[in-house]
Amino acid sequence: MSAGGALGAITEILSWVGIGAAVLFGVAALIVRLADGAWQPVRGVVIDDVVRWFGDDGVHEAPLTPELRAAATRDELDLFHRIGTRDVVRLHRHSPWPRLLGGVALACGTVGVIAVIVQIAAMILAD
């Protein structure tokens, strides 16, 4: 097998794997983002080992985790409450997982596109 044939085979494999993985990770990022649900900003009050806040349907309560305790300034805390639940809160509106999966999808897609460009350039230069 010549060097041009080997380069063609390698870039062909990288392009299919890269673009396929990009689609797979992109779909996974979308699914994770949709499954994360909607989060509403609330102002929580720390009382003993719990945090309480007013939601649209009354008073809600969640256990005070070490992460929430560290973020609390005095007795109050800015939180995000998952709509439709009574005791699920976190410090950030969005989960970091969709961004991570989207970044991996972007990296894989970039590898696939660069492999296609190298393959096209090699075909043009071979003539």
Foldseek 3Di string as FASTA:
>chain_A
DDPLVVLLVVLVVLLVQLLVLLVVLLVVLVVVQVVVAFWDKWKWFADPQKIWTADPVGIAIEGHDPVNVVQDDPGIAIWIHHPPDRYDIDNDRGDCVSVVSNVSSVVSNVSNVVSVVVNVVSVVVVD
